[in-house]
PDB file of N, CA and C in Angstrom:
ATOM      1  N   UNK A   1      83.833 120.041 141.925  1.00  0.00           N
ATOM      2  CA  UNK A   1      83.697 119.718 140.498  1.00  0.00           C
ATOM      3  C   UNK A   1      84.924 120.242 139.713  1.00  0.00           C
ATOM      4  N   UNK A   2      85.344 121.478 140.025  1.00  0.00           N
ATOM      5  CA  UNK A   2      86.476 122.060 139.305  1.00  0.00           C
ATOM      6  C   UNK A   2      87.731 121.226 139.464  1.00  0.00           C
ATOM      7  N   UNK A   3      87.987 120.781 140.715  1.00  0.00           N
ATOM      8  CA  UNK A   3      89.205 119.998 140.928  1.00  0.00           C
ATOM      9  C   UNK A   3      89.143 118.691 140.147  1.00  0.00           C
ATOM     10  N   UNK A   4      87.980 118.035 140.190  1.00  0.00           N
ATOM     11  CA  UNK A   4      87.849 116.776 139.458  1.00  0.00           C
ATOM     12  C   UNK A   4      88.080 117.006 137.974  1.00  0.00           C
ATOM     13  N   UNK A   5      87.524 118.115 137.451  1.00  0.00           N
ATOM     14  CA  UNK A   5      87.715 118.399 136.029  1.00  0.00           C
ATOM     15  C   UNK A   5      89.179 118.597 135.697  1.00  0.00           C
ATOM     16  N   UNK A   6      89.889 119.322 136.574  1.00  0.00           N
ATOM     17  CA  UNK A   6      91.303 119.554 136.314  1.00  0.00           C
ATOM     18  C   UNK A   6      92.068 118.233 136.290  1.00  0.00           C
ATOM     19  N   UNK A   7      91.767 117.346 137.256  1.00  0.00           N
ATOM     20  CA  UNK A   7      92.450 116.059 137.285  1.00  0.00           C
ATOM     21  C   UNK A   7      92.156 115.272 136.015  1.00  0.00           C
ATOM     22  N   UNK A   8      90.895 115.305 135.593  1.00  0.00           N
ATOM     23  CA  UNK A   8      90.547 114.569 134.379  1.00  0.00           C
ATOM     24  C   UNK A   8      91.288 115.143 133.170  1.00  0.00           C
ATOM     25  N   UNK A   9      91.322 116.472 133.088  1.00  0.00           N
ATOM     26  CA  UNK A   9      92.011 117.077 131.943  1.00  0.00           C
ATOM     27  C   UNK A   9      93.493 116.717 131.972  1.00  0.00           C
ATOM     28  N   UNK A  10      94.094 116.717 133.165  1.00  0.00           N
ATOM     29  CA  UNK A  10      95.509 116.366 133.255  1.00  0.00           C
ATOM     30  C   UNK A  10      95.722 114.924 132.802  1.00  0.00           C
ATOM     31  N   UNK A  11      94.850 114.024 133.268  1.00  0.00           N
ATOM     32  CA  UNK A  11      94.993 112.624 132.854  1.00  0.00           C
ATOM     33  C   UNK A  11      94.835 112.516 131.344  1.00  0.00           C
ATOM     34  N   UNK A  12      93.804 113.205 130.806  1.00  0.00           N
ATOM     35  CA  UNK A  12      93.592 113.146 129.363  1.00  0.00           C
ATOM     36  C   UNK A  12      94.801 113.698 128.615  1.00  0.00           C
ATOM     37  N   UNK A  13      95.368 114.809 129.134  1.00  0.00           N
ATOM     38  CA  UNK A  13      96.536 115.385 128.480  1.00  0.00           C
ATOM     39  C   UNK A  13      97.693 114.395 128.460  1.00  0.00           C
ATOM     40  N   UNK A  14      97.931 113.714 129.586  1.00  0.00           N
ATOM     41  CA  UNK A  14      99.027 112.741 129.627  1.00  0.00           C
ATOM     42  C   UNK A  14      98.785 111.632 128.605  1.00  0.00           C
ATOM     43  N   UNK A  15      97.556 111.129 128.554  1.00  0.00           N
ATOM     44  CA  UNK A  15      97.250 110.067 127.596  1.00  0.00           C
ATOM     45  C   UNK A  15      97.441 110.556 126.173  1.00  0.00           C
ATOM     46  N   UNK A  16      96.998 111.801 125.908  1.00  0.00           N
ATOM     47  CA  UNK A  16      97.134 112.324 124.546  1.00  0.00           C
ATOM     48  C   UNK A  16      98.608 112.467 124.162  1.00  0.00           C
ATOM     49  N   UNK A  17      99.414 112.970 125.099  1.00  0.00           N
ATOM     50  CA  UNK A  17     100.832 113.155 124.788  1.00  0.00           C
ATOM     51  C   UNK A  17     101.479 111.798 124.486  1.00  0.00           C
ATOM     52  N   UNK A  18     101.148 110.779 125.259  1.00  0.00           N
ATOM     53  CA  UNK A  18     101.746 109.468 125.025  1.00  0.00           C
ATOM     54  C   UNK A  18     101.338 108.963 123.637  1.00  0.00           C
ATOM     55  N   UNK A  19     100.056 109.118 123.296  1.00  0.00           N
ATOM     56  CA  UNK A  19      99.600 108.674 121.970  1.00  0.00           C
ATOM     57  C   UNK A  19     100.259 109.502 120.875  1.00  0.00           C
ATOM     58  N   UNK A  20     100.386 110.815 121.135  1.00  0.00           N
ATOM     59  CA  UNK A  20     101.006 111.685 120.123  1.00  0.00           C
ATOM     60  C   UNK A  20     102.460 111.260 119.900  1.00  0.00           C
ATOM     61  N   UNK A  21     103.164 110.946 120.989  1.00  0.00           N
ATOM     62  CA  UNK A  21     104.556 110.515 120.838  1.00  0.00           C
ATOM     63  C   UNK A  21     104.636 109.244 120.000  1.00  0.00           C
ATOM     64  N   UNK A  22     103.737 108.301 120.258  1.00  0.00           N
ATOM     65  CA  UNK A  22     103.728 107.055 119.482  1.00  0.00           C
ATOM     66  C   UNK A  22     103.427 107.369 118.018  1.00  0.00           C
ATOM     67  N   UNK A  23     102.441 108.267 117.775  1.00  0.00           N
ATOM     68  CA  UNK A  23     102.104 108.625 116.403  1.00  0.00           C
ATOM     69  C   UNK A  23     103.294 109.296 115.724  1.00  0.00           C
ATOM     70  N   UNK A  24     103.979 110.189 116.442  1.00  0.00           N
ATOM     71  CA  UNK A  24     105.120 110.887 115.841  1.00  0.00           C
ATOM     72  C   UNK A  24     106.215 109.896 115.464  1.00  0.00           C
ATOM     73  N   UNK A  25     106.517 108.941 116.345  1.00  0.00           N
ATOM     74  CA  UNK A  25     107.559 107.961 116.036  1.00  0.00           C
ATOM     75  C   UNK A  25     107.132 107.127 114.832  1.00  0.00           C
ATOM     76  N   UNK A  26     105.852 106.717 114.776  1.00  0.00           N
ATOM     77  CA  UNK A  26     105.359 105.926 113.647  1.00  0.00           C
ATOM     78  C   UNK A  26     105.403 106.756 112.366  1.00  0.00           C
ATOM     79  N   UNK A  27     104.988 108.029 112.470  1.00  0.00           N
ATOM     80  CA  UNK A  27     104.984 108.885 111.284  1.00  0.00           C
ATOM     81  C   UNK A  27     106.408 109.125 110.806  1.00  0.00           C
ATOM     82  N   UNK A  28     107.340 109.300 111.739  1.00  0.00           N
ATOM     83  CA  UNK A  28     108.729 109.539 111.347  1.00  0.00           C
ATOM     84  C   UNK A  28     109.274 108.305 110.613  1.00  0.00           C
ATOM     85  N   UNK A  29     108.969 107.104 111.116  1.00  0.00           N
ATOM     86  CA  UNK A  29     109.441 105.889 110.448  1.00  0.00           C
ATOM     87  C   UNK A  29     108.833 105.783 109.057  1.00  0.00           C
ATOM     88  N   UNK A  30     107.521 106.010 108.948  1.00  0.00           N
ATOM     89  CA  UNK A  30     106.873 105.934 107.639  1.00  0.00           C
ATOM     90  C   UNK A  30     107.417 107.028 106.727  1.00  0.00           C
ATOM     91  N   UNK A  31     107.692 108.217 107.302  1.00  0.00           N
ATOM     92  CA  UNK A  31     108.235 109.320 106.496  1.00  0.00           C
ATOM     93  C   UNK A  31     109.606 108.941 105.945  1.00  0.00           C
ATOM     94  N   UNK A  32     110.447 108.323 106.785  1.00  0.00           N
ATOM     95  CA  UNK A  32     111.783 107.906 106.330  1.00  0.00           C
ATOM     96  C   UNK A  32     111.637 106.844 105.244  1.00  0.00           C
ATOM     97  N   UNK A  33     110.719 105.912 105.441  1.00  0.00           N
ATOM     98  CA  UNK A  33     110.512 104.868 104.426  1.00  0.00           C
ATOM     99  C   UNK A  33     110.067 105.491 103.113  1.00  0.00           C
ATOM    100  N   UNK A  34     109.162 106.495 103.188  1.00  0.00           N
ATOM    101  CA  UNK A  34     108.700 107.160 101.968  1.00  0.00           C
ATOM    102  C   UNK A  34     109.851 107.862 101.266  1.00  0.00           C
ATOM    103  N   UNK A  35     110.708 108.523 102.031  1.00  0.00           N
ATOM    104  CA  UNK A  35     111.856 109.218 101.427  1.00  0.00           C
ATOM    105  C   UNK A  35     112.774 108.208 100.741  1.00  0.00           C
ATOM    106  N   UNK A  36     113.042 107.098 101.410  1.00  0.00           N
ATOM    107  CA  UNK A  36     113.934 106.075 100.832  1.00  0.00           C
ATOM    108  C   UNK A  36     113.319 105.503  99.562  1.00  0.00           C
ATOM    109  N   UNK A  37     112.014 105.232  99.597  1.00  0.00           N
ATOM    110  CA  UNK A  37     111.352 104.676  98.417  1.00  0.00           C
ATOM    111  C   UNK A  37     111.367 105.684  97.275  1.00  0.00           C
ATOM    112  N   UNK A  38     111.141 106.975  97.593  1.00  0.00           N
ATOM    113  CA  UNK A  38     111.155 108.011  96.547  1.00  0.00           C
ATOM    114  C   UNK A  38     112.545 108.113  95.929  1.00  0.00           C
ATOM    115  N   UNK A  39     113.581 108.076  96.766  1.00  0.00           N
ATOM    116  CA  UNK A  39     114.955 108.153  96.253  1.00  0.00           C
ATOM    117  C   UNK A  39     115.237 106.932  95.374  1.00  0.00           C
ATOM    118  N   UNK A  40     114.801 105.763  95.811  1.00  0.00           N
ATOM    119  CA  UNK A  40     115.037 104.546  95.033  1.00  0.00           C
ATOM    120  C   UNK A  40     114.351 104.631  93.682  1.00  0.00           C
ATOM    121  N   UNK A  41     113.105 105.126  93.681  1.00  0.00           N
ATOM    122  CA  UNK A  41     112.346 105.250  92.423  1.00  0.00           C
ATOM    123  C   UNK A  41     113.027 106.255  91.500  1.00  0.00           C
ATOM    124  N   UNK A  42     113.450 107.394  92.041  1.00  0.00           N
ATOM    125  CA  UNK A  42     114.102 108.404  91.198  1.00  0.00           C
ATOM    126  C   UNK A  42     115.404 107.864  90.617  1.00  0.00           C
ATOM    127  N   UNK A  43     116.160 107.121  91.429  1.00  0.00           N
ATOM    128  CA  UNK A  43     117.432 106.561  90.938  1.00  0.00           C
ATOM    129  C   UNK A  43     117.144 105.574  89.812  1.00  0.00           C
ATOM    130  N   UNK A  44     116.154 104.718  89.987  1.00  0.00           N
ATOM    131  CA  UNK A  44     115.833 103.736  88.946  1.00  0.00           C
ATOM    132  C   UNK A  44     115.353 104.448  87.683  1.00  0.00           C
ATOM    133  N   UNK A  45     114.528 105.478  87.843  1.00  0.00           N
ATOM    134  CA  UNK A  45     114.013 106.205  86.674  1.00  0.00           C
ATOM    135  C   UNK A  45     115.155 106.915  85.944  1.00  0.00           C
ATOM    136  N   UNK A  46     116.127 107.413  86.702  1.00  0.00           N
ATOM    137  CA  UNK A  46     117.249 108.105  86.060  1.00  0.00           C
ATOM    138  C   UNK A  46     118.216 107.106  85.422  1.00  0.00           C
ATOM    139  N   UNK A  47     118.330 105.904  85.985  1.00  0.00           N
ATOM    140  CA  UNK A  47     119.274 104.924  85.450  1.00  0.00           C
ATOM    141  C   UNK A  47     118.685 104.149  84.268  1.00  0.00           C
ATOM    142  N   UNK A  48     117.372 104.009  84.211  1.00  0.00           N
ATOM    143  CA  UNK A  48     116.759 103.259  83.108  1.00  0.00           C
ATOM    144  C   UNK A  48     117.120 103.862  81.749  1.00  0.00           C
ATOM    145  N   UNK A  49     116.972 105.169  81.535  1.00  0.00           N
ATOM    146  CA  UNK A  49     117.356 105.748  80.237  1.00  0.00           C
ATOM    147  C   UNK A  49     118.824 105.517  79.913  1.00  0.00           C
ATOM    148  N   UNK A  50     119.686 105.557  80.920  1.00  0.00           N
ATOM    149  CA  UNK A  50     121.113 105.324  80.670  1.00  0.00           C
ATOM    150  C   UNK A  50     121.335 103.901  80.164  1.00  0.00           C
ATOM    151  N   UNK A  51     120.617 102.941  80.734  1.00  0.00           N
ATOM    152  CA  UNK A  51     120.768 101.551  80.286  1.00  0.00           C
ATOM    153  C   UNK A  51     120.163 101.369  78.894  1.00  0.00           C
ATOM    154  N   UNK A  52     119.043 102.033  78.644  1.00  0.00           N
ATOM    155  CA  UNK A  52     118.371 101.865  77.350  1.00  0.00           C
ATOM    156  C   UNK A  52     119.160 102.544  76.235  1.00  0.00           C
ATOM    157  N   UNK A  53     119.567 103.804  76.467  1.00  0.00           N
ATOM    158  CA  UNK A  53     120.257 104.559  75.407  1.00  0.00           C
ATOM    159  C   UNK A  53     121.776 104.387  75.474  1.00  0.00           C
ATOM    160  N   UNK A  54     122.270 103.871  76.602  1.00  0.00           N
ATOM    161  CA  UNK A  54     123.718 103.680  76.723  1.00  0.00           C
ATOM    162  C   UNK A  54     124.144 102.426  75.994  1.00  0.00           C
TER     163      UNK A  54
END
């Protein structure tokens, strides 16, 4: 029973790591997109007053 459990845990660990890697890559892409969108919004917010009052 112990050996079977160890094999199952190892298989589960491998599956979890693969899913975690996919999640990390997806999260990193979404994180980069969020940063780019935030920078774009801040630039537009900072430039709008210049256009209005300039």
